[in-house]
Amino acid sequence: MQVIRFWVEQGFQPCIKLAGVSGFSRRGTVLAIPYRGNTGLSTYFITSATYCKRSLFQTDRMAGLLIDVLFHYRDQRKYQLHEFVIMPDHFHLLITPAESLEKALQLIKGGFSYRVKKELEFIGEIWEHSFHDRRVRDANE
């Protein structure tokens, strides 16, 4: 308990992880988003996780809402959505953004956050900061 108290006193907040393992994240810390250069007109493999790896997408309502958001912005031609997989605590996308990768992910994550709080009255953090990306260079990748 003394170790936990130390971290809380240092401005960190507990982050309950799956399987009962706890971690800490700094309150009010703004993490630098890595510079990605020009991210338009390329295809990317994206991974984005929920806050503290919570299994938010285990329910049909939450997973269905994320799918709805993905299709909504795809239909508005904000990006081409080639493939996607939704796991309980993260998602993977194969996406070609129309404008930039950051804008596409802002629409997806922000659109989902807005709708889940409005429609399902969800309270709390939803996403980890940023996302992981890998540019797909050719069809073999």
N, C-alpha and C. Protein backbone atom coordinates (compact mmCIF):
# COMPACT_ATOMS: atom_id res chain seq x y z
N MET A 1 0.81 -1.20 0.00
CA MET A 1 0.00 0.00 0.00
C MET A 1 0.86 1.26 0.00
N GLN A 2 2.03 1.18 0.63
CA GLN A 2 2.89 2.34 0.71
C GLN A 2 3.38 2.77 -0.67
N VAL A 3 3.64 1.81 -1.54
CA VAL A 3 4.08 2.11 -2.89
C VAL A 3 2.98 2.84 -3.65
N ILE A 4 1.75 2.36 -3.53
CA ILE A 4 0.62 3.00 -4.21
C ILE A 4 0.44 4.41 -3.69
N ARG A 5 0.50 4.62 -2.39
CA ARG A 5 0.34 5.95 -1.81
C ARG A 5 1.41 6.89 -2.35
N PHE A 6 2.66 6.42 -2.49
CA PHE A 6 3.74 7.24 -3.03
C PHE A 6 3.39 7.74 -4.43
N TRP A 7 2.93 6.82 -5.30
CA TRP A 7 2.63 7.20 -6.68
C TRP A 7 1.47 8.19 -6.74
N VAL A 8 0.45 7.99 -5.92
CA VAL A 8 -0.69 8.91 -5.90
C VAL A 8 -0.24 10.28 -5.41
N GLU A 9 0.62 10.33 -4.38
CA GLU A 9 1.13 11.61 -3.88
C GLU A 9 1.97 12.32 -4.93
N GLN A 10 2.60 11.59 -5.82
CA GLN A 10 3.42 12.19 -6.87
C GLN A 10 2.59 12.68 -8.06
N GLY A 11 1.28 12.59 -7.96
CA GLY A 11 0.41 13.10 -9.01
C GLY A 11 0.00 12.07 -10.04
N PHE A 12 0.18 10.80 -9.75
CA PHE A 12 -0.24 9.75 -10.65
C PHE A 12 -1.57 9.21 -10.16
N GLN A 13 -2.38 8.73 -11.10
CA GLN A 13 -3.66 8.13 -10.70
C GLN A 13 -3.66 6.66 -11.06
N PRO A 14 -4.29 5.83 -10.23
CA PRO A 14 -4.32 4.40 -10.52
C PRO A 14 -5.06 4.12 -11.82
N CYS A 15 -4.60 3.15 -12.52
CA CYS A 15 -5.20 2.74 -13.78
C CYS A 15 -5.37 1.23 -13.68
N ILE A 16 -6.56 0.76 -13.41
CA ILE A 16 -6.80 -0.66 -13.22
C ILE A 16 -6.76 -1.35 -14.58
N LYS A 17 -5.90 -2.31 -14.72
CA LYS A 17 -5.72 -3.02 -15.98
C LYS A 17 -6.44 -4.36 -15.91
N LEU A 18 -6.50 -5.03 -17.05
CA LEU A 18 -7.08 -6.36 -17.08
C LEU A 18 -6.25 -7.30 -16.22
N ALA A 19 -6.85 -8.35 -15.77
CA ALA A 19 -6.21 -9.38 -14.95
C ALA A 19 -5.73 -8.82 -13.62
N GLY A 20 -6.32 -7.69 -13.18
CA GLY A 20 -6.02 -7.15 -11.85
C GLY A 20 -4.67 -6.47 -11.71
N VAL A 21 -3.93 -6.29 -12.79
CA VAL A 21 -2.64 -5.62 -12.70
C VAL A 21 -2.89 -4.12 -12.78
N SER A 22 -2.35 -3.38 -11.84
CA SER A 22 -2.59 -1.94 -11.86
C SER A 22 -1.35 -1.20 -12.34
N GLY A 23 -1.58 -0.07 -12.95
CA GLY A 23 -0.51 0.80 -13.42
C GLY A 23 -0.85 2.22 -13.01
N PHE A 24 -0.07 3.17 -13.44
CA PHE A 24 -0.31 4.55 -13.09
C PHE A 24 -0.11 5.44 -14.30
N SER A 25 -0.92 6.48 -14.39
CA SER A 25 -0.73 7.48 -15.44
C SER A 25 -0.74 8.85 -14.78
N ARG A 26 0.07 9.75 -15.27
CA ARG A 26 0.23 11.08 -14.67
C ARG A 26 -0.99 11.94 -14.93
N ARG A 27 -1.53 12.56 -13.89
CA ARG A 27 -2.66 13.46 -14.04
C ARG A 27 -2.23 14.70 -14.81
N GLY A 28 -3.02 15.08 -15.78
CA GLY A 28 -2.76 16.31 -16.50
C GLY A 28 -1.57 16.26 -17.44
N THR A 29 -0.97 15.12 -17.62
CA THR A 29 0.18 15.02 -18.49
C THR A 29 -0.29 15.04 -19.94
N VAL A 30 0.32 15.89 -20.73
CA VAL A 30 0.03 15.93 -22.15
C VAL A 30 1.17 15.23 -22.86
N LEU A 31 0.86 14.12 -23.47
CA LEU A 31 1.88 13.35 -24.16
C LEU A 31 2.09 13.93 -25.55
N ALA A 32 3.31 14.04 -25.97
CA ALA A 32 3.61 14.56 -27.29
C ALA A 32 3.20 13.54 -28.34
N ILE A 33 2.48 14.00 -29.33
CA ILE A 33 2.09 13.13 -30.43
C ILE A 33 3.25 13.11 -31.41
N PRO A 34 3.70 11.94 -31.78
CA PRO A 34 4.87 11.87 -32.66
C PRO A 34 4.59 12.52 -34.01
N TYR A 35 5.58 13.22 -34.54
CA TYR A 35 5.46 13.84 -35.84
C TYR A 35 5.46 12.76 -36.90
N ARG A 36 4.49 12.78 -37.78
CA ARG A 36 4.35 11.73 -38.78
C ARG A 36 4.62 12.24 -40.19
N GLY A 37 4.89 13.54 -40.35
CA GLY A 37 5.10 14.09 -41.69
C GLY A 37 3.79 14.15 -42.45
N ASN A 38 3.86 14.16 -43.77
CA ASN A 38 2.67 14.20 -44.62
C ASN A 38 2.04 12.80 -44.61
N THR A 39 0.82 12.70 -44.10
CA THR A 39 0.18 11.39 -43.97
C THR A 39 -1.00 11.21 -44.92
N GLY A 40 -1.14 12.08 -45.89
CA GLY A 40 -2.23 11.94 -46.84
C GLY A 40 -1.85 11.01 -47.98
N LEU A 41 -2.83 10.46 -48.64
CA LEU A 41 -2.67 9.66 -49.86
C LEU A 41 -1.78 8.42 -49.70
N SER A 42 -1.74 7.86 -48.53
CA SER A 42 -1.06 6.58 -48.28
C SER A 42 -2.01 5.70 -47.49
N THR A 43 -1.75 4.42 -47.51
CA THR A 43 -2.56 3.48 -46.74
C THR A 43 -1.79 3.11 -45.48
N TYR A 44 -2.52 3.00 -44.36
CA TYR A 44 -1.91 2.76 -43.06
C TYR A 44 -2.61 1.62 -42.34
N PHE A 45 -1.81 0.88 -41.58
CA PHE A 45 -2.33 -0.09 -40.62
C PHE A 45 -2.31 0.61 -39.27
N ILE A 46 -3.46 0.76 -38.64
CA ILE A 46 -3.62 1.52 -37.41
C ILE A 46 -4.03 0.61 -36.27
N THR A 47 -3.50 0.88 -35.08
CA THR A 47 -3.96 0.25 -33.85
C THR A 47 -4.22 1.35 -32.85
N SER A 48 -5.38 1.32 -32.22
CA SER A 48 -5.71 2.28 -31.17
C SER A 48 -6.38 1.53 -30.03
N ALA A 49 -5.97 1.85 -28.81
CA ALA A 49 -6.44 1.12 -27.62
C ALA A 49 -7.35 1.98 -26.75
N THR A 50 -8.19 1.30 -26.00
CA THR A 50 -9.03 1.99 -25.03
C THR A 50 -8.20 2.37 -23.81
N TYR A 51 -8.71 3.33 -23.05
CA TYR A 51 -8.03 3.82 -21.85
C TYR A 51 -7.83 2.67 -20.86
N CYS A 52 -6.61 2.50 -20.44
CA CYS A 52 -6.23 1.43 -19.49
C CYS A 52 -6.58 0.04 -20.00
N LYS A 53 -6.69 -0.09 -21.31
CA LYS A 53 -6.99 -1.39 -21.93
C LYS A 53 -8.30 -2.00 -21.40
N ARG A 54 -9.28 -1.14 -21.11
CA ARG A 54 -10.58 -1.64 -20.66
C ARG A 54 -11.31 -2.31 -21.83
N SER A 55 -12.04 -3.34 -21.55
CA SER A 55 -12.76 -4.11 -22.58
C SER A 55 -14.09 -3.45 -22.91
N LEU A 56 -14.02 -2.27 -23.50
CA LEU A 56 -15.24 -1.53 -23.82
C LEU A 56 -16.04 -2.14 -24.96
N PHE A 57 -15.36 -2.81 -25.88
CA PHE A 57 -16.04 -3.32 -27.07
C PHE A 57 -16.52 -4.75 -26.92
N GLN A 58 -16.64 -5.23 -25.69
CA GLN A 58 -17.16 -6.57 -25.44
C GLN A 58 -18.66 -6.63 -25.70
N THR A 59 -19.34 -5.50 -25.52
CA THR A 59 -20.78 -5.50 -25.72
C THR A 59 -21.11 -5.14 -27.16
N ASP A 60 -22.23 -5.66 -27.64
CA ASP A 60 -22.67 -5.37 -29.00
C ASP A 60 -22.98 -3.89 -29.19
N ARG A 61 -23.51 -3.24 -28.14
CA ARG A 61 -23.85 -1.82 -28.25
C ARG A 61 -22.62 -0.96 -28.51
N MET A 62 -21.55 -1.19 -27.76
CA MET A 62 -20.33 -0.39 -27.92
C MET A 62 -19.63 -0.71 -29.24
N ALA A 63 -19.49 -1.99 -29.56
CA ALA A 63 -18.85 -2.38 -30.82
C ALA A 63 -19.67 -1.89 -32.01
N GLY A 64 -20.98 -2.02 -31.91
CA GLY A 64 -21.86 -1.56 -32.99
C GLY A 64 -21.78 -0.06 -33.21
N LEU A 65 -21.65 0.68 -32.12
CA LEU A 65 -21.53 2.13 -32.24
C LEU A 65 -20.22 2.51 -32.92
N LEU A 66 -19.12 1.82 -32.59
CA LEU A 66 -17.84 2.09 -33.25
C LEU A 66 -17.93 1.77 -34.75
N ILE A 67 -18.56 0.66 -35.09
CA ILE A 67 -18.74 0.31 -36.51
C ILE A 67 -19.57 1.38 -37.22
N ASP A 68 -20.61 1.85 -36.55
CA ASP A 68 -21.45 2.90 -37.12
C ASP A 68 -20.65 4.17 -37.40
N VAL A 69 -19.79 4.55 -36.47
CA VAL A 69 -18.93 5.73 -36.65
C VAL A 69 -17.96 5.51 -37.80
N LEU A 70 -17.34 4.33 -37.86
CA LEU A 70 -16.41 4.03 -38.96
C LEU A 70 -17.10 4.17 -40.32
N PHE A 71 -18.29 3.61 -40.45
CA PHE A 71 -19.02 3.67 -41.72
C PHE A 71 -19.53 5.08 -42.02
N HIS A 72 -19.91 5.81 -40.99
CA HIS A 72 -20.41 7.18 -41.17
C HIS A 72 -19.37 8.05 -41.87
N TYR A 73 -18.16 8.06 -41.34
CA TYR A 73 -17.11 8.90 -41.94
C TYR A 73 -16.58 8.31 -43.25
N ARG A 74 -16.63 7.00 -43.39
CA ARG A 74 -16.27 6.40 -44.67
C ARG A 74 -17.25 6.86 -45.75
N ASP A 75 -18.55 6.85 -45.42
CA ASP A 75 -19.57 7.26 -46.38
C ASP A 75 -19.46 8.75 -46.73
N GLN A 76 -18.89 9.54 -45.82
CA GLN A 76 -18.65 10.96 -46.10
C GLN A 76 -17.34 11.16 -46.86
N ARG A 77 -16.67 10.07 -47.21
CA ARG A 77 -15.42 10.07 -47.97
C ARG A 77 -14.28 10.77 -47.24
N LYS A 78 -14.27 10.66 -45.91
CA LYS A 78 -13.16 11.20 -45.12
C LYS A 78 -11.95 10.28 -45.21
N TYR A 79 -12.19 9.02 -45.56
CA TYR A 79 -11.14 8.03 -45.74
C TYR A 79 -11.72 6.83 -46.48
N GLN A 80 -10.81 6.00 -47.00
CA GLN A 80 -11.20 4.70 -47.53
C GLN A 80 -10.93 3.69 -46.43
N LEU A 81 -11.91 2.92 -46.09
CA LEU A 81 -11.77 1.90 -45.06
C LEU A 81 -11.67 0.55 -45.76
N HIS A 82 -10.46 0.00 -45.79
CA HIS A 82 -10.22 -1.25 -46.52
C HIS A 82 -10.60 -2.47 -45.69
N GLU A 83 -10.18 -2.49 -44.44
CA GLU A 83 -10.48 -3.60 -43.52
C GLU A 83 -10.46 -3.06 -42.10
N PHE A 84 -11.13 -3.75 -41.18
CA PHE A 84 -11.03 -3.40 -39.77
C PHE A 84 -11.33 -4.61 -38.90
N VAL A 85 -10.79 -4.59 -37.70
CA VAL A 85 -11.05 -5.61 -36.69
C VAL A 85 -11.26 -4.89 -35.37
N ILE A 86 -12.32 -5.24 -34.67
CA ILE A 86 -12.58 -4.66 -33.36
C ILE A 86 -12.38 -5.75 -32.32
N MET A 87 -11.44 -5.53 -31.42
CA MET A 87 -11.15 -6.44 -30.33
C MET A 87 -11.77 -5.85 -29.06
N PRO A 88 -11.83 -6.59 -27.95
CA PRO A 88 -12.47 -6.05 -26.74
C PRO A 88 -11.85 -4.73 -26.23
N ASP A 89 -10.53 -4.55 -26.40
CA ASP A 89 -9.90 -3.36 -25.81
C ASP A 89 -9.12 -2.51 -26.82
N HIS A 90 -9.25 -2.80 -28.12
CA HIS A 90 -8.57 -2.00 -29.13
C HIS A 90 -9.17 -2.32 -30.51
N PHE A 91 -8.74 -1.54 -31.49
CA PHE A 91 -9.16 -1.85 -32.85
C PHE A 91 -7.98 -1.72 -33.80
N HIS A 92 -8.09 -2.38 -34.95
CA HIS A 92 -7.12 -2.29 -36.03
C HIS A 92 -7.86 -1.81 -37.27
N LEU A 93 -7.23 -0.92 -38.03
CA LEU A 93 -7.81 -0.43 -39.28
C LEU A 93 -6.78 -0.51 -40.38
N LEU A 94 -7.24 -0.76 -41.58
CA LEU A 94 -6.45 -0.58 -42.78
C LEU A 94 -7.17 0.54 -43.52
N ILE A 95 -6.54 1.72 -43.56
CA ILE A 95 -7.24 2.94 -43.94
C ILE A 95 -6.36 3.81 -44.84
N THR A 96 -7.00 4.49 -45.79
CA THR A 96 -6.35 5.50 -46.61
C THR A 96 -7.07 6.81 -46.37
N PRO A 97 -6.46 7.73 -45.63
CA PRO A 97 -7.14 8.99 -45.32
C PRO A 97 -7.23 9.91 -46.54
N ALA A 98 -8.32 10.68 -46.62
CA ALA A 98 -8.49 11.65 -47.71
C ALA A 98 -7.63 12.89 -47.46
N GLU A 99 -7.57 13.32 -46.21
CA GLU A 99 -6.82 14.53 -45.86
C GLU A 99 -5.52 14.18 -45.15
N SER A 100 -5.62 13.70 -43.93
CA SER A 100 -4.44 13.27 -43.18
C SER A 100 -4.85 12.16 -42.23
N LEU A 101 -3.87 11.38 -41.81
CA LEU A 101 -4.12 10.27 -40.89
C LEU A 101 -4.63 10.81 -39.55
N GLU A 102 -4.02 11.87 -39.07
CA GLU A 102 -4.42 12.45 -37.77
C GLU A 102 -5.88 12.90 -37.81
N LYS A 103 -6.29 13.54 -38.90
CA LYS A 103 -7.68 14.01 -39.02
C LYS A 103 -8.64 12.82 -39.05
N ALA A 104 -8.30 11.78 -39.79
CA ALA A 104 -9.16 10.60 -39.86
C ALA A 104 -9.35 9.97 -38.49
N LEU A 105 -8.25 9.82 -37.73
CA LEU A 105 -8.35 9.22 -36.40
C LEU A 105 -9.06 10.15 -35.41
N GLN A 106 -8.90 11.46 -35.59
CA GLN A 106 -9.63 12.42 -34.76
C GLN A 106 -11.13 12.26 -34.98
N LEU A 107 -11.54 12.10 -36.23
CA LEU A 107 -12.96 11.90 -36.53
C LEU A 107 -13.48 10.60 -35.92
N ILE A 108 -12.73 9.52 -36.08
CA ILE A 108 -13.17 8.22 -35.58
C ILE A 108 -13.23 8.21 -34.05
N LYS A 109 -12.12 8.54 -33.40
CA LYS A 109 -12.08 8.48 -31.94
C LYS A 109 -12.95 9.56 -31.31
N GLY A 110 -12.90 10.77 -31.86
CA GLY A 110 -13.72 11.86 -31.33
C GLY A 110 -15.20 11.63 -31.58
N GLY A 111 -15.52 11.15 -32.79
CA GLY A 111 -16.92 10.86 -33.12
C GLY A 111 -17.50 9.77 -32.23
N PHE A 112 -16.71 8.73 -31.99
CA PHE A 112 -17.16 7.65 -31.11
C PHE A 112 -17.33 8.18 -29.68
N SER A 113 -16.36 8.93 -29.19
CA SER A 113 -16.44 9.46 -27.82
C SER A 113 -17.69 10.31 -27.63
N TYR A 114 -17.94 11.19 -28.59
CA TYR A 114 -19.12 12.06 -28.51
C TYR A 114 -20.40 11.24 -28.48
N ARG A 115 -20.51 10.28 -29.39
CA ARG A 115 -21.75 9.52 -29.48
C ARG A 115 -21.95 8.58 -28.29
N VAL A 116 -20.88 7.95 -27.80
CA VAL A 116 -21.04 7.01 -26.69
C VAL A 116 -21.45 7.76 -25.42
N LYS A 117 -20.94 8.97 -25.24
CA LYS A 117 -21.32 9.75 -24.06
C LYS A 117 -22.74 10.29 -24.20
N LYS A 118 -23.12 10.66 -25.41
CA LYS A 118 -24.46 11.21 -25.63
C LYS A 118 -25.53 10.12 -25.67
N GLU A 119 -25.29 9.07 -26.45
CA GLU A 119 -26.32 8.06 -26.68
C GLU A 119 -26.36 6.98 -25.60
N LEU A 120 -25.21 6.61 -25.06
CA LEU A 120 -25.16 5.53 -24.07
C LEU A 120 -24.85 6.05 -22.67
N GLU A 121 -24.74 7.37 -22.53
CA GLU A 121 -24.48 8.03 -21.25
C GLU A 121 -23.25 7.47 -20.54
N PHE A 122 -22.22 7.19 -21.32
CA PHE A 122 -20.96 6.69 -20.78
C PHE A 122 -20.23 7.82 -20.09
N ILE A 123 -19.65 7.52 -18.94
CA ILE A 123 -18.88 8.51 -18.18
C ILE A 123 -17.46 7.99 -18.03
N GLY A 124 -16.49 8.83 -18.31
CA GLY A 124 -15.10 8.44 -18.10
C GLY A 124 -14.27 8.54 -19.36
N GLU A 125 -12.99 8.21 -19.22
CA GLU A 125 -12.06 8.21 -20.34
C GLU A 125 -12.36 7.03 -21.25
N ILE A 126 -12.14 7.22 -22.54
CA ILE A 126 -12.42 6.16 -23.49
C ILE A 126 -11.15 5.67 -24.17
N TRP A 127 -10.29 6.58 -24.61
CA TRP A 127 -9.13 6.22 -25.44
C TRP A 127 -7.81 6.51 -24.76
N GLU A 128 -6.82 5.69 -25.07
CA GLU A 128 -5.43 6.03 -24.77
C GLU A 128 -5.04 7.16 -25.71
N HIS A 129 -4.05 7.95 -25.32
CA HIS A 129 -3.58 9.02 -26.17
C HIS A 129 -2.93 8.44 -27.42
N SER A 130 -3.13 9.11 -28.54
CA SER A 130 -2.49 8.80 -29.81
C SER A 130 -2.90 7.42 -30.32
N PHE A 131 -2.09 6.86 -31.19
CA PHE A 131 -2.34 5.57 -31.83
C PHE A 131 -1.04 5.11 -32.46
N HIS A 132 -1.01 3.85 -32.85
CA HIS A 132 0.16 3.30 -33.53
C HIS A 132 -0.17 3.17 -35.02
N ASP A 133 0.78 3.55 -35.85
CA ASP A 133 0.53 3.45 -37.29
C ASP A 133 1.73 2.86 -38.00
N ARG A 134 1.44 2.21 -39.10
CA ARG A 134 2.49 1.69 -39.98
C ARG A 134 2.01 1.90 -41.40
N ARG A 135 2.81 2.62 -42.19
CA ARG A 135 2.45 2.87 -43.58
C ARG A 135 2.63 1.58 -44.37
N VAL A 136 1.61 1.25 -45.15
CA VAL A 136 1.67 0.06 -46.00
C VAL A 136 2.29 0.49 -47.33
N ARG A 137 3.42 -0.10 -47.67
CA ARG A 137 4.18 0.34 -48.83
C ARG A 137 3.77 -0.35 -50.13
N ASP A 138 3.30 -1.60 -50.04
CA ASP A 138 2.86 -2.31 -51.24
C ASP A 138 1.89 -3.40 -50.84
N ALA A 139 1.36 -4.10 -51.84
CA ALA A 139 0.33 -5.11 -51.60
C ALA A 139 0.85 -6.29 -50.80
N ASN A 140 2.16 -6.54 -50.79
CA ASN A 140 2.72 -7.65 -50.03
C ASN A 140 2.68 -7.42 -48.53
N GLU A 141 2.66 -6.16 -48.13
CA GLU A 141 2.61 -5.87 -46.69
C GLU A 141 1.20 -6.04 -46.22
